[in-house]
Protein backbone atom coordinates (compact mmCIF):
# COMPACT_ATOMS: atom_id res chain seq x y z
CA UNK A 1 -10.09 -14.93 9.64
CA UNK A 2 -9.04 -16.39 6.04
CA UNK A 3 -6.07 -14.61 3.90
CA UNK A 4 -8.39 -13.13 1.70
CA UNK A 5 -10.45 -11.81 4.30
CA UNK A 6 -7.46 -10.25 6.18
CA UNK A 7 -6.23 -8.68 3.06
CA UNK A 8 -9.79 -7.72 1.96
CA UNK A 9 -9.45 -6.30 5.81
CA UNK A 10 -6.00 -4.44 5.05
CA UNK A 11 -7.55 -2.56 2.47
CA UNK A 12 -10.81 -1.91 3.98
CA UNK A 13 -8.60 -0.23 6.55
CA UNK A 14 -6.37 1.85 3.61
CA UNK A 15 -9.62 2.66 2.15
CA UNK A 16 -11.42 3.96 5.56
CA UNK A 17 -8.41 5.84 6.90
CA UNK A 18 -8.17 3.61 9.41
CA UNK A 19 -4.17 3.77 10.49
CA UNK A 20 -5.12 1.91 13.70
CA UNK A 21 -7.42 -0.93 12.45
CA UNK A 22 -4.64 -0.96 9.46
CA UNK A 23 -1.58 -1.51 11.59
CA UNK A 24 -3.11 -3.48 13.74
CA UNK A 25 -3.19 -6.03 10.80
CA UNK A 26 0.64 -6.12 10.43
CA UNK A 27 2.92 -8.21 11.87
CA UNK A 28 5.35 -7.10 14.37
CA UNK A 29 8.11 -7.61 12.61
CA UNK A 30 6.31 -6.65 9.18
CA UNK A 31 8.91 -6.57 6.09
CA UNK A 32 7.50 -3.95 3.71
CA UNK A 33 9.56 -3.82 0.20
CA UNK A 34 8.67 0.05 -0.81
CA UNK A 35 7.87 -0.02 -5.21
CA UNK A 36 10.92 0.15 -6.97
CA UNK A 37 12.90 1.52 -3.30
CA UNK A 38 14.40 -0.16 -0.08
CA UNK A 39 13.06 -2.76 2.13
CA UNK A 40 12.00 -1.81 5.87
CA UNK A 41 11.22 -3.84 8.53
CA UNK A 42 9.24 -3.46 11.46
CA UNK A 43 5.57 -2.26 12.40
CA UNK A 44 6.94 1.50 13.71
CA UNK A 45 8.78 2.03 10.74
CA UNK A 46 5.98 1.19 8.18
CA UNK A 47 3.33 3.54 10.40
CA UNK A 48 6.30 6.02 9.80
CA UNK A 49 5.94 5.37 6.16
CA UNK A 50 2.61 5.31 6.24
CA UNK A 51 2.28 9.06 7.79
CA UNK A 52 4.45 10.09 5.20
CA UNK A 53 2.51 8.88 2.42
CA UNK A 54 -0.84 10.46 4.07
CA UNK A 55 0.66 13.83 4.27
CA UNK A 56 1.91 13.89 1.01
CA UNK A 57 -0.80 11.80 -0.95
CA UNK A 58 -4.67 11.03 -0.35
CA UNK A 59 -5.74 7.54 -2.11
CA UNK A 60 -8.30 5.21 -2.74
CA UNK A 61 -8.30 2.12 -4.14
CA UNK A 62 -10.86 0.62 -6.33
CA UNK A 63 -11.26 -2.45 -8.30
CA UNK A 64 -9.48 -4.81 -5.97
CA UNK A 65 -8.62 -8.27 -6.61
CA UNK A 66 -7.41 -10.72 -3.93
CA UNK A 67 -6.04 -14.07 -4.61
CA UNK A 68 -4.58 -16.39 -1.81
CA UNK A 69 -2.31 -19.84 -1.72
CA UNK A 70 -4.48 -22.85 -1.03
CA UNK A 71 -2.34 -22.90 2.36
CA UNK A 72 -3.13 -19.48 2.92
CA UNK A 73 0.62 -18.13 3.41
CA UNK A 74 0.50 -15.48 0.81
CA UNK A 75 -1.55 -14.11 -1.31
CA UNK A 76 -1.50 -11.17 -4.10
CA UNK A 77 -3.70 -8.33 -4.97
CA UNK A 78 -4.38 -6.02 -8.14
CA UNK A 79 -5.90 -3.00 -7.98
CA UNK A 80 -6.53 0.84 -9.02
CA UNK A 81 -5.16 3.47 -7.38
CA UNK A 82 -7.14 6.88 -7.60
CA UNK A 83 -5.16 9.44 -5.92
CA UNK A 84 -4.59 12.95 -5.37
CA UNK A 85 -0.69 14.51 -4.98
CA UNK A 86 -1.38 17.19 -2.38
CA UNK A 87 2.05 17.75 -0.77
CA UNK A 88 5.50 17.96 -2.26
CA UNK A 89 7.43 14.50 -1.41
CA UNK A 90 11.40 14.82 -1.54
CA UNK A 91 12.80 14.09 -4.83
CA UNK A 92 9.46 14.13 -7.19
CA UNK A 93 7.74 16.92 -9.12
CA UNK A 94 5.94 19.49 -7.04
CA UNK A 95 2.73 18.87 -5.60
CA UNK A 96 -0.28 21.06 -6.73
CA UNK A 97 -3.43 18.75 -6.21
CA UNK A 98 -3.06 16.57 -9.45
CA UNK A 99 -4.73 13.54 -9.18
CA UNK A 100 -3.84 10.51 -10.93
CA UNK A 101 -5.08 7.12 -11.81
CA UNK A 102 -2.85 4.27 -11.61
CA UNK A 103 -2.95 0.44 -12.06
CA UNK A 104 -0.71 -1.81 -8.92
CA UNK A 105 -0.45 -4.56 -7.17
CA UNK A 106 1.21 -5.89 -4.43
CA UNK A 107 2.21 -9.57 -2.89
CA UNK A 108 1.77 -10.91 0.67
CA UNK A 109 3.62 -12.89 3.20
CA UNK A 110 1.03 -14.44 6.07
CA UNK A 111 2.49 -15.25 9.12
CA UNK A 112 0.53 -15.99 12.52
CA UNK A 113 -2.81 -14.43 11.13
CA UNK A 114 -1.10 -10.94 9.95
CA UNK A 115 0.94 -9.44 7.21
CA UNK A 116 4.20 -10.84 7.28
CA UNK A 117 5.48 -9.19 4.07
CA UNK A 118 4.13 -6.26 1.77
CA UNK A 119 5.53 -5.75 -1.83
CA UNK A 120 3.69 -3.17 -3.95
CA UNK A 121 4.47 -2.43 -7.76
CA UNK A 122 3.36 0.44 -9.65
CA UNK A 123 4.57 2.04 -12.82
CA UNK A 124 6.47 5.57 -11.42
CA UNK A 125 7.63 6.69 -14.24
CA UNK A 126 3.37 6.72 -15.46
CA UNK A 127 3.15 8.24 -12.06
CA UNK A 128 5.59 10.87 -12.72
CA UNK A 129 4.05 11.34 -15.93
CA UNK A 130 0.79 11.77 -14.79
CA UNK A 131 1.72 14.43 -12.00
CA UNK A 132 4.29 15.75 -13.43
CA UNK A 133 1.97 17.24 -16.47
């Protein structure tokens, strides 16, 4: 599987809500840089993060564009998050089913044919303005 195919499969599994398939694409020691937050390491920690996210947010990613380095060791993706805020996340505005549209991006490192690092970026202030209104 090429790097572009790997990242496309990663987002396809995410959009399908196939967390088992999604997690199989991760390296066991995956590093996850959370947007404007901490760095976490390990597939089990990433799985817990995704459980939390899936409890608080219902999201689909659209307009996905994937780019990869010539050697396949790195990739980037740009996309639009189409979301619904379904359960209040600690420290954030109260959830009332607010919908949001958010441009976002991610950077990846690939090792042994798996996602070894994912760093996500989006404008948190834009998101807060959308759900806090």
